[in-house]
Amino acid sequence: MKDNAEGRLLVDQMDVKFKTRDVQVYYGDKQAIRDVSVDILDKTVTAFIGPSGCGKSTFLR
């Protein structure tokens, strides 16, 4: 990772170990998850936090 002039972190593609783009999950005609994108970096701890029923486990499956 590197910092740019604005102080934002820039992610090297080699640092990404898990990537999803625009994940969508439906149960019949009911949309459970819409347009979720995630980059999980190497050597980091990542947590999915939210209330019960918000789709954390569904997303990870």
PDB file of N, CA and C in Angstrom:
ATOM      1  N   MET A   1       0.833  -1.181   0.000  1.00  0.00           N
ATOM      2  CA  MET A   1       0.000   0.000   0.000  1.00  0.00           C
ATOM      3  C   MET A   1       0.875   1.240   0.000  1.00  0.00           C
ATOM      4  N   LYS A   2       0.362   2.255  -0.626  1.00  0.00           N
ATOM      5  CA  LYS A   2       1.070   3.530  -0.701  1.00  0.00           C
ATOM      6  C   LYS A   2       0.084   4.654  -0.434  1.00  0.00           C
ATOM      7  N   ASP A   3       0.587   5.787   0.017  1.00  0.00           N
ATOM      8  CA  ASP A   3      -0.246   6.975   0.197  1.00  0.00           C
ATOM      9  C   ASP A   3      -0.105   7.862  -1.020  1.00  0.00           C
ATOM     10  N   ASN A   4      -1.225   8.443  -1.450  1.00  0.00           N
ATOM     11  CA  ASN A   4      -1.126   9.441  -2.517  1.00  0.00           C
ATOM     12  C   ASN A   4      -1.069  10.829  -1.888  1.00  0.00           C
ATOM     13  N   ALA A   5      -1.029  11.855  -2.705  1.00  0.00           N
ATOM     14  CA  ALA A   5      -0.879  13.230  -2.216  1.00  0.00           C
ATOM     15  C   ALA A   5      -2.035  13.663  -1.324  1.00  0.00           C
ATOM     16  N   GLU A   6      -3.212  13.058  -1.500  1.00  0.00           N
ATOM     17  CA  GLU A   6      -4.380  13.428  -0.695  1.00  0.00           C
ATOM     18  C   GLU A   6      -4.462  12.625   0.598  1.00  0.00           C
ATOM     19  N   GLY A   7      -3.492  11.755   0.843  1.00  0.00           N
ATOM     20  CA  GLY A   7      -3.499  10.968   2.064  1.00  0.00           C
ATOM     21  C   GLY A   7      -4.335   9.709   1.977  1.00  0.00           C
ATOM     22  N   ARG A   8      -4.837   9.371   0.805  1.00  0.00           N
ATOM     23  CA  ARG A   8      -5.623   8.151   0.633  1.00  0.00           C
ATOM     24  C   ARG A   8      -4.692   6.983   0.350  1.00  0.00           C
ATOM     25  N   LEU A   9      -5.093   5.813   0.822  1.00  0.00           N
ATOM     26  CA  LEU A   9      -4.291   4.630   0.570  1.00  0.00           C
ATOM     27  C   LEU A   9      -4.522   4.130  -0.845  1.00  0.00           C
ATOM     28  N   LEU A  10      -3.452   3.798  -1.515  1.00  0.00           N
ATOM     29  CA  LEU A  10      -3.522   3.184  -2.832  1.00  0.00           C
ATOM     30  C   LEU A  10      -3.191   1.710  -2.661  1.00  0.00           C
ATOM     31  N   VAL A  11      -3.997   0.842  -3.246  1.00  0.00           N
ATOM     32  CA  VAL A  11      -3.834  -0.592  -3.090  1.00  0.00           C
ATOM     33  C   VAL A  11      -3.125  -1.149  -4.308  1.00  0.00           C
ATOM     34  N   ASP A  12      -1.990  -1.796  -4.089  1.00  0.00           N
ATOM     35  CA  ASP A  12      -1.326  -2.518  -5.168  1.00  0.00           C
ATOM     36  C   ASP A  12      -2.125  -3.784  -5.430  1.00  0.00           C
ATOM     37  N   GLN A  13      -2.343  -4.117  -6.690  1.00  0.00           N
ATOM     38  CA  GLN A  13      -3.120  -5.312  -7.015  1.00  0.00           C
ATOM     39  C   GLN A  13      -2.476  -6.574  -6.448  1.00  0.00           C
ATOM     40  N   MET A  14      -1.160  -6.573  -6.272  1.00  0.00           N
ATOM     41  CA  MET A  14      -0.499  -7.744  -5.709  1.00  0.00           C
ATOM     42  C   MET A  14      -0.840  -7.929  -4.233  1.00  0.00           C
ATOM     43  N   ASP A  15      -1.266  -6.884  -3.538  1.00  0.00           N
ATOM     44  CA  ASP A  15      -1.631  -6.976  -2.127  1.00  0.00           C
ATOM     45  C   ASP A  15      -3.018  -7.565  -1.927  1.00  0.00           C
ATOM     46  N   VAL A  16      -3.857  -7.587  -2.956  1.00  0.00           N
ATOM     47  CA  VAL A  16      -5.229  -8.073  -2.839  1.00  0.00           C
ATOM     48  C   VAL A  16      -5.225  -9.597  -2.914  1.00  0.00           C
ATOM     49  N   LYS A  17      -5.801 -10.245  -1.878  1.00  0.00           N
ATOM     50  CA  LYS A  17      -5.868 -11.707  -1.842  1.00  0.00           C
ATOM     51  C   LYS A  17      -7.272 -12.228  -2.090  1.00  0.00           C
ATOM     52  N   PHE A  18      -8.270 -11.379  -1.917  1.00  0.00           N
ATOM     53  CA  PHE A  18      -9.663 -11.768  -2.149  1.00  0.00           C
ATOM     54  C   PHE A  18     -10.377 -10.554  -2.709  1.00  0.00           C
ATOM     55  N   LYS A  19     -11.063 -10.735  -3.823  1.00  0.00           N
ATOM     56  CA  LYS A  19     -11.731  -9.608  -4.468  1.00  0.00           C
ATOM     57  C   LYS A  19     -13.113 -10.051  -4.937  1.00  0.00           C
ATOM     58  N   THR A  20     -14.109  -9.211  -4.690  1.00  0.00           N
ATOM     59  CA  THR A  20     -15.438  -9.415  -5.267  1.00  0.00           C
ATOM     60  C   THR A  20     -15.860  -8.112  -5.927  1.00  0.00           C
ATOM     61  N   ARG A  21     -16.697  -8.231  -6.921  1.00  0.00           N
ATOM     62  CA  ARG A  21     -17.214  -7.046  -7.604  1.00  0.00           C
ATOM     63  C   ARG A  21     -18.700  -7.233  -7.873  1.00  0.00           C
ATOM     64  N   ASP A  22     -19.485  -6.265  -7.432  1.00  0.00           N
ATOM     65  CA  ASP A  22     -20.911  -6.189  -7.750  1.00  0.00           C
ATOM     66  C   ASP A  22     -21.666  -7.483  -7.432  1.00  0.00           C
ATOM     67  N   VAL A  23     -21.399  -8.069  -6.248  1.00  0.00           N
ATOM     68  CA  VAL A  23     -22.080  -9.300  -5.835  1.00  0.00           C
ATOM     69  C   VAL A  23     -23.555  -9.010  -5.611  1.00  0.00           C
ATOM     70  N   GLN A  24     -24.393  -9.884  -6.152  1.00  0.00           N
ATOM     71  CA  GLN A  24     -25.833  -9.799  -5.952  1.00  0.00           C
ATOM     72  C   GLN A  24     -26.350 -11.186  -5.587  1.00  0.00           C
ATOM     73  N   VAL A  25     -27.259 -11.254  -4.610  1.00  0.00           N
ATOM     74  CA  VAL A  25     -27.853 -12.515  -4.183  1.00  0.00           C
ATOM     75  C   VAL A  25     -29.361 -12.342  -4.156  1.00  0.00           C
ATOM     76  N   TYR A  26     -30.049 -13.298  -4.741  1.00  0.00           N
ATOM     77  CA  TYR A  26     -31.513 -13.303  -4.758  1.00  0.00           C
ATOM     78  C   TYR A  26     -32.024 -14.580  -4.116  1.00  0.00           C
ATOM     79  N   TYR A  27     -33.120 -14.487  -3.404  1.00  0.00           N
ATOM     80  CA  TYR A  27     -33.902 -15.627  -2.941  1.00  0.00           C
ATOM     81  C   TYR A  27     -35.239 -15.516  -3.648  1.00  0.00           C
ATOM     82  N   GLY A  28     -35.387 -16.271  -4.735  1.00  0.00           N
ATOM     83  CA  GLY A  28     -36.560 -16.092  -5.582  1.00  0.00           C
ATOM     84  C   GLY A  28     -36.497 -14.719  -6.219  1.00  0.00           C
ATOM     85  N   ASP A  29     -37.551 -13.938  -6.043  1.00  0.00           N
ATOM     86  CA  ASP A  29     -37.549 -12.582  -6.612  1.00  0.00           C
ATOM     87  C   ASP A  29     -37.131 -11.516  -5.587  1.00  0.00           C
ATOM     88  N   LYS A  30     -36.760 -11.954  -4.381  1.00  0.00           N
ATOM     89  CA  LYS A  30     -36.339 -11.038  -3.317  1.00  0.00           C
ATOM     90  C   LYS A  30     -34.821 -10.864  -3.341  1.00  0.00           C
ATOM     91  N   GLN A  31     -34.353  -9.626  -3.525  1.00  0.00           N
ATOM     92  CA  GLN A  31     -32.920  -9.360  -3.546  1.00  0.00           C
ATOM     93  C   GLN A  31     -32.407  -9.195  -2.120  1.00  0.00           C
ATOM     94  N   ALA A  32     -31.453 -10.052  -1.738  1.00  0.00           N
ATOM     95  CA  ALA A  32     -30.889 -10.019  -0.388  1.00  0.00           C
ATOM     96  C   ALA A  32     -29.631  -9.161  -0.319  1.00  0.00           C
ATOM     97  N   ILE A  33     -28.845  -9.170  -1.383  1.00  0.00           N
ATOM     98  CA  ILE A  33     -27.601  -8.396  -1.435  1.00  0.00           C
ATOM     99  C   ILE A  33     -27.521  -7.721  -2.789  1.00  0.00           C
ATOM    100  N   ARG A  34     -27.121  -6.442  -2.788  1.00  0.00           N
ATOM    101  CA  ARG A  34     -27.055  -5.688  -4.048  1.00  0.00           C
ATOM    102  C   ARG A  34     -25.717  -4.961  -4.167  1.00  0.00           C
ATOM    103  N   ASP A  35     -25.001  -5.263  -5.237  1.00  0.00           N
ATOM    104  CA  ASP A  35     -23.812  -4.505  -5.652  1.00  0.00           C
ATOM    105  C   ASP A  35     -22.754  -4.330  -4.558  1.00  0.00           C
ATOM    106  N   VAL A  36     -22.350  -5.429  -3.934  1.00  0.00           N
ATOM    107  CA  VAL A  36     -21.308  -5.370  -2.912  1.00  0.00           C
ATOM    108  C   VAL A  36     -19.963  -5.695  -3.555  1.00  0.00           C
ATOM    109  N   SER A  37     -18.985  -4.826  -3.349  1.00  0.00           N
ATOM    110  CA  SER A  37     -17.624  -5.028  -3.848  1.00  0.00           C
ATOM    111  C   SER A  37     -16.657  -4.906  -2.680  1.00  0.00           C
ATOM    112  N   VAL A  38     -15.684  -5.822  -2.623  1.00  0.00           N
ATOM    113  CA  VAL A  38     -14.736  -5.847  -1.514  1.00  0.00           C
ATOM    114  C   VAL A  38     -13.361  -6.246  -2.037  1.00  0.00           C
ATOM    115  N   ASP A  39     -12.327  -5.591  -1.550  1.00  0.00           N
ATOM    116  CA  ASP A  39     -10.941  -6.018  -1.727  1.00  0.00           C
ATOM    117  C   ASP A  39     -10.398  -6.319  -0.334  1.00  0.00           C
ATOM    118  N   ILE A  40      -9.938  -7.546  -0.114  1.00  0.00           N
ATOM    119  CA  ILE A  40      -9.318  -7.910   1.158  1.00  0.00           C
ATOM    120  C   ILE A  40      -7.829  -8.075   0.899  1.00  0.00           C
ATOM    121  N   LEU A  41      -7.045  -7.347   1.647  1.00  0.00           N
ATOM    122  CA  LEU A  41      -5.605  -7.304   1.429  1.00  0.00           C
ATOM    123  C   LEU A  41      -4.877  -8.406   2.185  1.00  0.00           C
ATOM    124  N   ASP A  42      -3.717  -8.776   1.665  1.00  0.00           N
ATOM    125  CA  ASP A  42      -2.834  -9.737   2.305  1.00  0.00           C
ATOM    126  C   ASP A  42      -2.377  -9.191   3.659  1.00  0.00           C
ATOM    127  N   LYS A  43      -2.269 -10.075   4.623  1.00  0.00           N
ATOM    128  CA  LYS A  43      -1.744  -9.747   5.955  1.00  0.00           C
ATOM    129  C   LYS A  43      -2.567  -8.685   6.668  1.00  0.00           C
ATOM    130  N   THR A  44      -3.888  -8.749   6.499  1.00  0.00           N
ATOM    131  CA  THR A  44      -4.787  -7.841   7.214  1.00  0.00           C
ATOM    132  C   THR A  44      -5.866  -8.653   7.912  1.00  0.00           C
ATOM    133  N   VAL A  45      -6.470  -8.067   8.903  1.00  0.00           N
ATOM    134  CA  VAL A  45      -7.625  -8.655   9.570  1.00  0.00           C
ATOM    135  C   VAL A  45      -8.842  -7.896   9.080  1.00  0.00           C
ATOM    136  N   THR A  46      -9.842  -8.629   8.610  1.00  0.00           N
ATOM    137  CA  THR A  46     -11.051  -8.011   8.069  1.00  0.00           C
ATOM    138  C   THR A  46     -12.262  -8.564   8.801  1.00  0.00           C
ATOM    139  N   ALA A  47     -13.192  -7.711   9.156  1.00  0.00           N
ATOM    140  CA  ALA A  47     -14.409  -8.134   9.845  1.00  0.00           C
ATOM    141  C   ALA A  47     -15.618  -7.574   9.121  1.00  0.00           C
ATOM    142  N   PHE A  48     -16.655  -8.384   9.034  1.00  0.00           N
ATOM    143  CA  PHE A  48     -17.944  -7.935   8.522  1.00  0.00           C
ATOM    144  C   PHE A  48     -18.838  -7.747   9.733  1.00  0.00           C
ATOM    145  N   ILE A  49     -19.207  -6.506   9.999  1.00  0.00           N
ATOM    146  CA  ILE A  49     -19.947  -6.166  11.206  1.00  0.00           C
ATOM    147  C   ILE A  49     -21.276  -5.544  10.815  1.00  0.00           C
ATOM    148  N   GLY A  50     -22.338  -6.000  11.464  1.00  0.00           N
ATOM    149  CA  GLY A  50     -23.650  -5.426  11.217  1.00  0.00           C
ATOM    150  C   GLY A  50     -24.696  -6.150  12.032  1.00  0.00           C
ATOM    151  N   PRO A  51     -25.912  -5.646  12.027  1.00  0.00           N
ATOM    152  CA  PRO A  51     -26.978  -6.255  12.809  1.00  0.00           C
ATOM    153  C   PRO A  51     -27.377  -7.618  12.257  1.00  0.00           C
ATOM    154  N   SER A  52     -28.045  -8.387  13.081  1.00  0.00           N
ATOM    155  CA  SER A  52     -28.555  -9.693  12.682  1.00  0.00           C
ATOM    156  C   SER A  52     -29.459  -9.549  11.461  1.00  0.00           C
ATOM    157  N   GLY A  53     -29.233 -10.413  10.475  1.00  0.00           N
ATOM    158  CA  GLY A  53     -30.088 -10.408   9.293  1.00  0.00           C
ATOM    159  C   GLY A  53     -29.697  -9.434   8.202  1.00  0.00           C
ATOM    160  N   CYS A  54     -28.539  -8.792   8.321  1.00  0.00           N
ATOM    161  CA  CYS A  54     -28.172  -7.786   7.314  1.00  0.00           C
ATOM    162  C   CYS A  54     -27.433  -8.370   6.110  1.00  0.00           C
ATOM    163  N   GLY A  55     -27.087  -9.678   6.139  1.00  0.00           N
ATOM    164  CA  GLY A  55     -26.490 -10.314   4.968  1.00  0.00           C
ATOM    165  C   GLY A  55     -25.018 -10.658   5.078  1.00  0.00           C
ATOM    166  N   LYS A  56     -24.442 -10.580   6.273  1.00  0.00           N
ATOM    167  CA  LYS A  56     -23.010 -10.872   6.430  1.00  0.00           C
ATOM    168  C   LYS A  56     -22.687 -12.303   6.013  1.00  0.00           C
ATOM    169  N   SER A  57     -23.377 -13.268   6.573  1.00  0.00           N
ATOM    170  CA  SER A  57     -23.123 -14.681   6.248  1.00  0.00           C
ATOM    171  C   SER A  57     -23.500 -14.996   4.816  1.00  0.00           C
ATOM    172  N   THR A  58     -24.581 -14.432   4.347  1.00  0.00           N
ATOM    173  CA  THR A  58     -24.999 -14.644   2.955  1.00  0.00           C
ATOM    174  C   THR A  58     -23.923 -14.164   2.005  1.00  0.00           C
ATOM    175  N   PHE A  59     -23.356 -13.018   2.261  1.00  0.00           N
ATOM    176  CA  PHE A  59     -22.293 -12.498   1.405  1.00  0.00           C
ATOM    177  C   PHE A  59     -21.085 -13.428   1.400  1.00  0.00           C
ATOM    178  N   LEU A  60     -20.677 -13.908   2.569  1.00  0.00           N
ATOM    179  CA  LEU A  60     -19.487 -14.746   2.656  1.00  0.00           C
ATOM    180  C   LEU A  60     -19.691 -16.120   2.031  1.00  0.00           C
ATOM    181  N   ARG A  61     -20.913 -16.600   1.975  1.00  0.00           N
ATOM    182  CA  ARG A  61     -21.184 -17.896   1.321  1.00  0.00           C
ATOM    183  C   ARG A  61     -21.048 -17.743  -0.165  1.00  0.00           C
TER     184      ARG A  61
END
